[in-house]
């Protein structure tokens, strides 16, 4: 079950400092995952989808095949579009991916 505990900006920033690539942008956290080729993207996308289902938390994400990037942006809409523990849990799980 997702943890929608509200966090202060300071708490979010402190936790993000230990999560490489993630940054806060207002009520969102975001990261651009860079890949060497499309095969690597194909390995990441099922992990992304499975993580979303497992965590029951649904970020926005975009695929840019030209730049070989997947951009992920998370917020908790049901908490007024703010960053909650659920967003940080998702970010942590995505950072655990290893190609």
PDB file of N, CA and C in Angstrom:
ATOM      1  N   UNK A   1       0.840  -1.180   0.000  1.00  0.00           N
ATOM      2  CA  UNK A   1       0.000   0.000   0.000  1.00  0.00           C
ATOM      3  C   UNK A   1       0.882   1.240   0.000  1.00  0.00           C
ATOM      4  N   UNK A   2       0.530   2.190  -0.834  1.00  0.00           N
ATOM      5  CA  UNK A   2       1.368   3.381  -0.937  1.00  0.00           C
ATOM      6  C   UNK A   2       1.230   4.266   0.291  1.00  0.00           C
ATOM      7  N   UNK A   3       2.336   4.865   0.681  1.00  0.00           N
ATOM      8  CA  UNK A   3       2.404   5.735   1.851  1.00  0.00           C
ATOM      9  C   UNK A   3       2.270   7.178   1.379  1.00  0.00           C
ATOM     10  N   UNK A   4       1.111   7.767   1.605  1.00  0.00           N
ATOM     11  CA  UNK A   4       0.860   9.133   1.149  1.00  0.00           C
ATOM     12  C   UNK A   4       1.161  10.169   2.226  1.00  0.00           C
ATOM     13  N   UNK A   5       2.098   9.840   3.106  1.00  0.00           N
ATOM     14  CA  UNK A   5       2.476  10.784   4.152  1.00  0.00           C
ATOM     15  C   UNK A   5       3.039  12.053   3.517  1.00  0.00           C
ATOM     16  N   UNK A   6       2.502  13.195   3.938  1.00  0.00           N
ATOM     17  CA  UNK A   6       2.978  14.474   3.424  1.00  0.00           C
ATOM     18  C   UNK A   6       4.359  14.773   3.990  1.00  0.00           C
ATOM     19  N   UNK A   7       5.189  15.376   3.179  1.00  0.00           N
ATOM     20  CA  UNK A   7       6.563  15.682   3.568  1.00  0.00           C
ATOM     21  C   UNK A   7       6.826  17.168   3.343  1.00  0.00           C
ATOM     22  N   UNK A   8       7.675  17.724   4.165  1.00  0.00           N
ATOM     23  CA  UNK A   8       8.085  19.118   3.969  1.00  0.00           C
ATOM     24  C   UNK A   8       9.079  19.190   2.818  1.00  0.00           C
ATOM     25  N   UNK A   9       9.273  20.377   2.275  1.00  0.00           N
ATOM     26  CA  UNK A   9      10.272  20.563   1.222  1.00  0.00           C
ATOM     27  C   UNK A   9      11.645  20.123   1.713  1.00  0.00           C
ATOM     28  N   UNK A  10      11.955  20.427   2.960  1.00  0.00           N
ATOM     29  CA  UNK A  10      13.256  20.044   3.528  1.00  0.00           C
ATOM     30  C   UNK A  10      13.399  18.521   3.582  1.00  0.00           C
ATOM     31  N   UNK A  11      12.343  17.832   3.991  1.00  0.00           N
ATOM     32  CA  UNK A  11      12.397  16.369   4.036  1.00  0.00           C
ATOM     33  C   UNK A  11      12.596  15.789   2.639  1.00  0.00           C
ATOM     34  N   UNK A  12      11.873  16.333   1.660  1.00  0.00           N
ATOM     35  CA  UNK A  12      12.007  15.858   0.283  1.00  0.00           C
ATOM     36  C   UNK A  12      13.425  16.090  -0.208  1.00  0.00           C
ATOM     37  N   UNK A  13      13.938  17.305  -0.011  1.00  0.00           N
ATOM     38  CA  UNK A  13      15.286  17.625  -0.485  1.00  0.00           C
ATOM     39  C   UNK A  13      16.340  16.753   0.177  1.00  0.00           C
ATOM     40  N   UNK A  14      16.184  16.491   1.461  1.00  0.00           N
ATOM     41  CA  UNK A  14      17.138  15.634   2.180  1.00  0.00           C
ATOM     42  C   UNK A  14      17.125  14.227   1.602  1.00  0.00           C
ATOM     43  N   UNK A  15      15.941  13.687   1.386  1.00  0.00           N
ATOM     44  CA  UNK A  15      15.847  12.325   0.848  1.00  0.00           C
ATOM     45  C   UNK A  15      16.341  12.260  -0.598  1.00  0.00           C
ATOM     46  N   UNK A  16      16.038  13.284  -1.381  1.00  0.00           N
ATOM     47  CA  UNK A  16      16.488  13.284  -2.776  1.00  0.00           C
ATOM     48  C   UNK A  16      18.006  13.403  -2.889  1.00  0.00           C
ATOM     49  N   UNK A  17      18.647  13.988  -1.894  1.00  0.00           N
ATOM     50  CA  UNK A  17      20.111  14.136  -1.953  1.00  0.00           C
ATOM     51  C   UNK A  17      20.801  12.775  -2.002  1.00  0.00           C
ATOM     52  N   UNK A  18      20.120  11.728  -1.556  1.00  0.00           N
ATOM     53  CA  UNK A  18      20.668  10.374  -1.606  1.00  0.00           C
ATOM     54  C   UNK A  18      20.136   9.542  -2.753  1.00  0.00           C
ATOM     55  N   UNK A  19      19.421  10.180  -3.680  1.00  0.00           N
ATOM     56  CA  UNK A  19      18.843   9.474  -4.823  1.00  0.00           C
ATOM     57  C   UNK A  19      19.384  10.084  -6.112  1.00  0.00           C
ATOM     58  N   UNK A  20      20.461   9.541  -6.645  1.00  0.00           N
ATOM     59  CA  UNK A  20      21.103  10.132  -7.820  1.00  0.00           C
ATOM     60  C   UNK A  20      20.135  10.367  -8.980  1.00  0.00           C
ATOM     61  N   UNK A  21      20.219  11.574  -9.516  1.00  0.00           N
ATOM     62  CA  UNK A  21      19.465  11.932 -10.707  1.00  0.00           C
ATOM     63  C   UNK A  21      18.104  12.533 -10.451  1.00  0.00           C
ATOM     64  N   UNK A  22      17.555  12.357  -9.253  1.00  0.00           N
ATOM     65  CA  UNK A  22      16.231  12.890  -8.955  1.00  0.00           C
ATOM     66  C   UNK A  22      16.341  14.315  -8.452  1.00  0.00           C
ATOM     67  N   UNK A  23      15.380  15.124  -8.862  1.00  0.00           N
ATOM     68  CA  UNK A  23      15.325  16.505  -8.387  1.00  0.00           C
ATOM     69  C   UNK A  23      13.872  16.907  -8.172  1.00  0.00           C
ATOM     70  N   UNK A  24      13.685  17.881  -7.311  1.00  0.00           N
ATOM     71  CA  UNK A  24      12.345  18.385  -7.040  1.00  0.00           C
ATOM     72  C   UNK A  24      12.075  19.565  -7.955  1.00  0.00           C
ATOM     73  N   UNK A  25      10.863  19.597  -8.490  1.00  0.00           N
ATOM     74  CA  UNK A  25      10.413  20.702  -9.334  1.00  0.00           C
ATOM     75  C   UNK A  25       9.007  21.059  -8.862  1.00  0.00           C
ATOM     76  N   UNK A  26       8.919  21.946  -7.893  1.00  0.00           N
ATOM     77  CA  UNK A  26       7.618  22.302  -7.329  1.00  0.00           C
ATOM     78  C   UNK A  26       7.006  21.116  -6.624  1.00  0.00           C
ATOM     79  N   UNK A  27       5.803  20.740  -7.022  1.00  0.00           N
ATOM     80  CA  UNK A  27       5.096  19.628  -6.398  1.00  0.00           C
ATOM     81  C   UNK A  27       5.405  18.285  -7.018  1.00  0.00           C
ATOM     82  N   UNK A  28       6.494  18.195  -7.760  1.00  0.00           N
ATOM     83  CA  UNK A  28       6.878  16.962  -8.444  1.00  0.00           C
ATOM     84  C   UNK A  28       8.318  16.610  -8.108  1.00  0.00           C
ATOM     85  N   UNK A  29       8.652  15.338  -8.312  1.00  0.00           N
ATOM     86  CA  UNK A  29      10.053  14.937  -8.400  1.00  0.00           C
ATOM     87  C   UNK A  29      10.224  14.330  -9.786  1.00  0.00           C
ATOM     88  N   UNK A  30      11.415  14.465 -10.331  1.00  0.00           N
ATOM     89  CA  UNK A  30      11.621  14.017 -11.707  1.00  0.00           C
ATOM     90  C   UNK A  30      13.051  13.541 -11.926  1.00  0.00           C
ATOM     91  N   UNK A  31      13.152  12.680 -12.928  1.00  0.00           N
ATOM     92  CA  UNK A  31      14.465  12.167 -13.326  1.00  0.00           C
ATOM     93  C   UNK A  31      14.413  11.767 -14.788  1.00  0.00           C
ATOM     94  N   UNK A  32      15.508  12.003 -15.480  1.00  0.00           N
ATOM     95  CA  UNK A  32      15.665  11.533 -16.850  1.00  0.00           C
ATOM     96  C   UNK A  32      16.637  10.364 -16.826  1.00  0.00           C
ATOM     97  N   UNK A  33      16.158   9.207 -17.249  1.00  0.00           N
ATOM     98  CA  UNK A  33      16.992   8.015 -17.348  1.00  0.00           C
ATOM     99  C   UNK A  33      17.586   7.993 -18.752  1.00  0.00           C
ATOM    100  N   UNK A  34      18.901   7.925 -18.841  1.00  0.00           N
ATOM    101  CA  UNK A  34      19.609   7.929 -20.124  1.00  0.00           C
ATOM    102  C   UNK A  34      20.075   6.513 -20.449  1.00  0.00           C
ATOM    103  N   UNK A  35      19.908   6.117 -21.705  1.00  0.00           N
ATOM    104  CA  UNK A  35      20.269   4.761 -22.130  1.00  0.00           C
ATOM    105  C   UNK A  35      21.217   4.807 -23.319  1.00  0.00           C
ATOM    106  N   UNK A  36      21.975   3.748 -23.478  1.00  0.00           N
ATOM    107  CA  UNK A  36      22.957   3.674 -24.563  1.00  0.00           C
ATOM    108  C   UNK A  36      22.315   3.336 -25.898  1.00  0.00           C
ATOM    109  N   UNK A  37      21.219   2.575 -25.841  1.00  0.00           N
ATOM    110  CA  UNK A  37      20.547   2.195 -27.084  1.00  0.00           C
ATOM    111  C   UNK A  37      19.106   1.789 -26.775  1.00  0.00           C
ATOM    112  N   UNK A  38      18.358   1.516 -27.826  1.00  0.00           N
ATOM    113  CA  UNK A  38      16.950   1.192 -27.643  1.00  0.00           C
ATOM    114  C   UNK A  38      16.763  -0.151 -26.945  1.00  0.00           C
ATOM    115  N   UNK A  39      17.695  -1.061 -27.085  1.00  0.00           N
ATOM    116  CA  UNK A  39      17.594  -2.342 -26.374  1.00  0.00           C
ATOM    117  C   UNK A  39      17.594  -2.133 -24.863  1.00  0.00           C
ATOM    118  N   UNK A  40      18.423  -1.204 -24.414  1.00  0.00           N
ATOM    119  CA  UNK A  40      18.464  -0.902 -22.979  1.00  0.00           C
ATOM    120  C   UNK A  40      17.139  -0.307 -22.508  1.00  0.00           C
ATOM    121  N   UNK A  41      16.532   0.533 -23.334  1.00  0.00           N
ATOM    122  CA  UNK A  41      15.215   1.084 -23.005  1.00  0.00           C
ATOM    123  C   UNK A  41      14.203  -0.046 -22.894  1.00  0.00           C
ATOM    124  N   UNK A  42      14.265  -0.995 -23.819  1.00  0.00           N
ATOM    125  CA  UNK A  42      13.341  -2.134 -23.794  1.00  0.00           C
ATOM    126  C   UNK A  42      13.509  -2.991 -22.547  1.00  0.00           C
ATOM    127  N   UNK A  43      14.685  -3.005 -21.968  1.00  0.00           N
ATOM    128  CA  UNK A  43      14.892  -3.744 -20.715  1.00  0.00           C
ATOM    129  C   UNK A  43      14.337  -2.945 -19.528  1.00  0.00           C
ATOM    130  N   UNK A  44      14.414  -1.629 -19.610  1.00  0.00           N
ATOM    131  CA  UNK A  44      13.951  -0.775 -18.506  1.00  0.00           C
ATOM    132  C   UNK A  44      12.424  -0.664 -18.440  1.00  0.00           C
ATOM    133  N   UNK A  45      11.772  -0.541 -19.572  1.00  0.00           N
ATOM    134  CA  UNK A  45      10.329  -0.289 -19.575  1.00  0.00           C
ATOM    135  C   UNK A  45       9.511  -1.346 -18.830  1.00  0.00           C
ATOM    136  N   UNK A  46       9.787  -2.652 -18.979  1.00  0.00           N
ATOM    137  CA  UNK A  46       9.036  -3.623 -18.169  1.00  0.00           C
ATOM    138  C   UNK A  46       9.277  -3.456 -16.665  1.00  0.00           C
ATOM    139  N   UNK A  47      10.494  -3.068 -16.304  1.00  0.00           N
ATOM    140  CA  UNK A  47      10.795  -2.819 -14.889  1.00  0.00           C
ATOM    141  C   UNK A  47       9.992  -1.616 -14.396  1.00  0.00           C
ATOM    142  N   UNK A  48       9.944  -0.567 -15.193  1.00  0.00           N
ATOM    143  CA  UNK A  48       9.158   0.615 -14.847  1.00  0.00           C
ATOM    144  C   UNK A  48       7.692   0.233 -14.651  1.00  0.00           C
ATOM    145  N   UNK A  49       7.139  -0.498 -15.601  1.00  0.00           N
ATOM    146  CA  UNK A  49       5.724  -0.897 -15.522  1.00  0.00           C
ATOM    147  C   UNK A  49       5.464  -1.775 -14.297  1.00  0.00           C
ATOM    148  N   UNK A  50       6.326  -2.725 -14.042  1.00  0.00           N
ATOM    149  CA  UNK A  50       6.146  -3.615 -12.889  1.00  0.00           C
ATOM    150  C   UNK A  50       6.252  -2.841 -11.576  1.00  0.00           C
ATOM    151  N   UNK A  51       7.157  -1.888 -11.519  1.00  0.00           N
ATOM    152  CA  UNK A  51       7.312  -1.066 -10.315  1.00  0.00           C
ATOM    153  C   UNK A  51       6.064  -0.236 -10.071  1.00  0.00           C
ATOM    154  N   UNK A  52       5.507   0.327 -11.126  1.00  0.00           N
ATOM    155  CA  UNK A  52       4.278   1.111 -11.010  1.00  0.00           C
ATOM    156  C   UNK A  52       3.152   0.245 -10.451  1.00  0.00           C
ATOM    157  N   UNK A  53       3.013  -0.965 -10.975  1.00  0.00           N
ATOM    158  CA  UNK A  53       1.954  -1.863 -10.515  1.00  0.00           C
ATOM    159  C   UNK A  53       2.205  -2.289  -9.072  1.00  0.00           C
ATOM    160  N   UNK A  54       3.414  -2.685  -8.767  1.00  0.00           N
ATOM    161  CA  UNK A  54       3.748  -3.145  -7.417  1.00  0.00           C
ATOM    162  C   UNK A  54       3.526  -2.044  -6.381  1.00  0.00           C
ATOM    163  N   UNK A  55       3.955  -0.841  -6.725  1.00  0.00           N
ATOM    164  CA  UNK A  55       3.847   0.278  -5.778  1.00  0.00           C
ATOM    165  C   UNK A  55       2.455   0.913  -5.789  1.00  0.00           C
ATOM    166  N   UNK A  56       1.652   0.589  -6.797  1.00  0.00           N
ATOM    167  CA  UNK A  56       0.337   1.197  -6.971  1.00  0.00           C
ATOM    168  C   UNK A  56       0.445   2.721  -6.966  1.00  0.00           C
ATOM    169  N   UNK A  57       1.454   3.199  -7.652  1.00  0.00           N
ATOM    170  CA  UNK A  57       1.707   4.647  -7.749  1.00  0.00           C
ATOM    171  C   UNK A  57       2.074   4.928  -9.191  1.00  0.00           C
ATOM    172  N   UNK A  58       1.408   5.872  -9.796  1.00  0.00           N
ATOM    173  CA  UNK A  58       1.446   6.020 -11.250  1.00  0.00           C
ATOM    174  C   UNK A  58       2.038   7.353 -11.683  1.00  0.00           C
ATOM    175  N   UNK A  59       3.332   7.382 -11.961  1.00  0.00           N
ATOM    176  CA  UNK A  59       3.966   8.622 -12.401  1.00  0.00           C
ATOM    177  C   UNK A  59       3.662   8.889 -13.874  1.00  0.00           C
ATOM    178  N   UNK A  60       3.923  10.105 -14.278  1.00  0.00           N
ATOM    179  CA  UNK A  60       3.934  10.412 -15.707  1.00  0.00           C
ATOM    180  C   UNK A  60       5.293  10.008 -16.237  1.00  0.00           C
ATOM    181  N   UNK A  61       5.333   9.471 -17.442  1.00  0.00           N
ATOM    182  CA  UNK A  61       6.630   9.193 -18.048  1.00  0.00           C
ATOM    183  C   UNK A  61       6.524   9.348 -19.551  1.00  0.00           C
ATOM    184  N   UNK A  62       7.646   9.740 -20.131  1.00  0.00           N
ATOM    185  CA  UNK A  62       7.745   9.934 -21.575  1.00  0.00           C
ATOM    186  C   UNK A  62       8.978   9.219 -22.087  1.00  0.00           C
ATOM    187  N   UNK A  63       8.860   8.700 -23.284  1.00  0.00           N
ATOM    188  CA  UNK A  63       9.963   8.023 -23.962  1.00  0.00           C
ATOM    189  C   UNK A  63      10.412   8.895 -25.129  1.00  0.00           C
ATOM    190  N   UNK A  64      11.687   9.188 -25.180  1.00  0.00           N
ATOM    191  CA  UNK A  64      12.265   9.929 -26.303  1.00  0.00           C
ATOM    192  C   UNK A  64      13.269   8.998 -26.975  1.00  0.00           C
ATOM    193  N   UNK A  65      12.853   8.377 -28.072  1.00  0.00           N
ATOM    194  CA  UNK A  65      13.711   7.396 -28.732  1.00  0.00           C
ATOM    195  C   UNK A  65      14.905   8.063 -29.406  1.00  0.00           C
ATOM    196  N   UNK A  66      14.763   9.298 -29.846  1.00  0.00           N
ATOM    197  CA  UNK A  66      15.874  10.003 -30.489  1.00  0.00           C
ATOM    198  C   UNK A  66      17.018  10.239 -29.500  1.00  0.00           C
ATOM    199  N   UNK A  67      16.659  10.691 -28.299  1.00  0.00           N
ATOM    200  CA  UNK A  67      17.679  10.967 -27.275  1.00  0.00           C
ATOM    201  C   UNK A  67      17.998   9.743 -26.415  1.00  0.00           C
ATOM    202  N   UNK A  68      17.231   8.662 -26.622  1.00  0.00           N
ATOM    203  CA  UNK A  68      17.396   7.430 -25.838  1.00  0.00           C
ATOM    204  C   UNK A  68      17.204   7.702 -24.349  1.00  0.00           C
ATOM    205  N   UNK A  69      16.089   8.376 -24.029  1.00  0.00           N
ATOM    206  CA  UNK A  69      15.793   8.758 -22.658  1.00  0.00           C
ATOM    207  C   UNK A  69      14.367   8.379 -22.273  1.00  0.00           C
ATOM    208  N   UNK A  70      14.196   8.088 -20.991  1.00  0.00           N
ATOM    209  CA  UNK A  70      12.873   7.954 -20.403  1.00  0.00           C
ATOM    210  C   UNK A  70      12.823   8.967 -19.262  1.00  0.00           C
ATOM    211  N   UNK A  71      11.852   9.856 -19.347  1.00  0.00           N
ATOM    212  CA  UNK A  71      11.668  10.918 -18.371  1.00  0.00           C
ATOM    213  C   UNK A  71      10.524  10.507 -17.443  1.00  0.00           C
ATOM    214  N   UNK A  72      10.778  10.509 -16.139  1.00  0.00           N
ATOM    215  CA  UNK A  72       9.774  10.124 -15.153  1.00  0.00           C
ATOM    216  C   UNK A  72       9.520  11.312 -14.232  1.00  0.00           C
ATOM    217  N   UNK A  73       8.234  11.586 -14.011  1.00  0.00           N
ATOM    218  CA  UNK A  73       7.825  12.710 -13.166  1.00  0.00           C
ATOM    219  C   UNK A  73       6.713  12.212 -12.237  1.00  0.00           C
ATOM    220  N   UNK A  74       6.932  12.350 -10.926  1.00  0.00           N
ATOM    221  CA  UNK A  74       5.986  11.802  -9.956  1.00  0.00           C
ATOM    222  C   UNK A  74       5.483  12.869  -8.996  1.00  0.00           C
ATOM    223  N   UNK A  75       4.217  12.741  -8.652  1.00  0.00           N
ATOM    224  CA  UNK A  75       3.567  13.535  -7.622  1.00  0.00           C
ATOM    225  C   UNK A  75       2.408  12.705  -7.102  1.00  0.00           C
ATOM    226  N   UNK A  76       1.840  13.103  -5.994  1.00  0.00           N
ATOM    227  CA  UNK A  76       0.664  12.415  -5.480  1.00  0.00           C
ATOM    228  C   UNK A  76      -0.534  13.332  -5.688  1.00  0.00           C
ATOM    229  N   UNK A  77      -1.281  13.052  -6.740  1.00  0.00           N
ATOM    230  CA  UNK A  77      -2.425  13.894  -7.105  1.00  0.00           C
ATOM    231  C   UNK A  77      -3.471  13.924  -5.990  1.00  0.00           C
ATOM    232  N   UNK A  78      -3.706  12.781  -5.368  1.00  0.00           N
ATOM    233  CA  UNK A  78      -4.740  12.710  -4.333  1.00  0.00           C
ATOM    234  C   UNK A  78      -4.358  13.469  -3.065  1.00  0.00           C
ATOM    235  N   UNK A  79      -3.097  13.899  -2.969  1.00  0.00           N
ATOM    236  CA  UNK A  79      -2.648  14.699  -1.824  1.00  0.00           C
ATOM    237  C   UNK A  79      -2.424  16.150  -2.249  1.00  0.00           C
ATOM    238  N   UNK A  80      -3.161  16.564  -3.273  1.00  0.00           N
ATOM    239  CA  UNK A  80      -3.055  17.952  -3.729  1.00  0.00           C
ATOM    240  C   UNK A  80      -1.873  18.204  -4.619  1.00  0.00           C
ATOM    241  N   UNK A  81      -1.434  17.175  -5.346  1.00  0.00           N
ATOM    242  CA  UNK A  81      -0.269  17.281  -6.236  1.00  0.00           C
ATOM    243  C   UNK A  81       0.964  17.771  -5.490  1.00  0.00           C
ATOM    244  N   UNK A  82       1.259  17.067  -4.430  1.00  0.00           N
ATOM    245  CA  UNK A  82       2.475  17.323  -3.658  1.00  0.00           C
ATOM    246  C   UNK A  82       3.305  16.043  -3.615  1.00  0.00           C
ATOM    247  N   UNK A  83       4.535  16.185  -3.192  1.00  0.00           N
ATOM    248  CA  UNK A  83       5.418  15.030  -3.067  1.00  0.00           C
ATOM    249  C   UNK A  83       5.150  14.362  -1.717  1.00  0.00           C
ATOM    250  N   UNK A  84       4.883  13.067  -1.787  1.00  0.00           N
ATOM    251  CA  UNK A  84       4.672  12.284  -0.576  1.00  0.00           C
ATOM    252  C   UNK A  84       5.707  11.162  -0.513  1.00  0.00           C
ATOM    253  N   UNK A  85       5.634  10.407   0.552  1.00  0.00           N
ATOM    254  CA  UNK A  85       6.549   9.268   0.701  1.00  0.00           C
ATOM    255  C   UNK A  85       6.380   8.287  -0.443  1.00  0.00           C
ATOM    256  N   UNK A  86       5.172   8.165  -0.981  1.00  0.00           N
ATOM    257  CA  UNK A  86       4.938   7.245  -2.101  1.00  0.00           C
ATOM    258  C   UNK A  86       5.789   7.619  -3.312  1.00  0.00           C
ATOM    259  N   UNK A  87       5.949   8.901  -3.559  1.00  0.00           N
ATOM    260  CA  UNK A  87       6.778   9.345  -4.686  1.00  0.00           C
ATOM    261  C   UNK A  87       8.243   8.988  -4.448  1.00  0.00           C
ATOM    262  N   UNK A  88       8.690   9.186  -3.224  1.00  0.00           N
ATOM    263  CA  UNK A  88      10.082   8.853  -2.899  1.00  0.00           C
ATOM    264  C   UNK A  88      10.315   7.348  -2.935  1.00  0.00           C
ATOM    265  N   UNK A  89       9.331   6.574  -2.501  1.00  0.00           N
ATOM    266  CA  UNK A  89       9.453   5.115  -2.582  1.00  0.00           C
ATOM    267  C   UNK A  89       9.560   4.666  -4.038  1.00  0.00           C
ATOM    268  N   UNK A  90       8.763   5.275  -4.908  1.00  0.00           N
ATOM    269  CA  UNK A  90       8.828   4.959  -6.334  1.00  0.00           C
ATOM    270  C   UNK A  90      10.200   5.319  -6.894  1.00  0.00           C
ATOM    271  N   UNK A  91      10.695   6.494  -6.561  1.00  0.00           N
ATOM    272  CA  UNK A  91      12.003   6.937  -7.051  1.00  0.00           C
ATOM    273  C   UNK A  91      13.102   5.977  -6.595  1.00  0.00           C
ATOM    274  N   UNK A  92      13.044   5.585  -5.352  1.00  0.00           N
ATOM    275  CA  UNK A  92      14.038   4.656  -4.809  1.00  0.00           C
ATOM    276  C   UNK A  92      13.989   3.313  -5.544  1.00  0.00           C
ATOM    277  N   UNK A  93      12.790   2.828  -5.796  1.00  0.00           N
ATOM    278  CA  UNK A  93      12.643   1.551  -6.504  1.00  0.00           C
ATOM    279  C   UNK A  93      13.165   1.657  -7.940  1.00  0.00           C
ATOM    280  N   UNK A  94      12.897   2.769  -8.591  1.00  0.00           N
ATOM    281  CA  UNK A  94      13.385   2.928  -9.962  1.00  0.00           C
ATOM    282  C   UNK A  94      14.896   3.059  -9.990  1.00  0.00           C
ATOM    283  N   UNK A  95      15.474   3.696  -9.001  1.00  0.00           N
ATOM    284  CA  UNK A  95      16.933   3.804  -8.944  1.00  0.00           C
ATOM    285  C   UNK A  95      17.608   2.465  -8.668  1.00  0.00           C
ATOM    286  N   UNK A  96      16.846   1.500  -8.164  1.00  0.00           N
ATOM    287  CA  UNK A  96      17.411   0.178  -7.902  1.00  0.00           C
ATOM    288  C   UNK A  96      17.570  -0.647  -9.165  1.00  0.00           C
ATOM    289  N   UNK A  97      17.001  -0.170 -10.269  1.00  0.00           N
ATOM    290  CA  UNK A  97      17.096  -0.899 -11.542  1.00  0.00           C
ATOM    291  C   UNK A  97      18.553  -0.950 -11.972  1.00  0.00           C
ATOM    292  N   UNK A  98      18.941  -2.104 -12.452  1.00  0.00           N
ATOM    293  CA  UNK A  98      20.320  -2.302 -12.936  1.00  0.00           C
ATOM    294  C   UNK A  98      20.264  -3.001 -14.267  1.00  0.00           C
ATOM    295  N   UNK A  99      20.730  -2.299 -15.298  1.00  0.00           N
ATOM    296  CA  UNK A  99      20.695  -2.885 -16.639  1.00  0.00           C
ATOM    297  C   UNK A  99      21.714  -3.991 -16.725  1.00  0.00           C
TER     298      UNK A  99
END
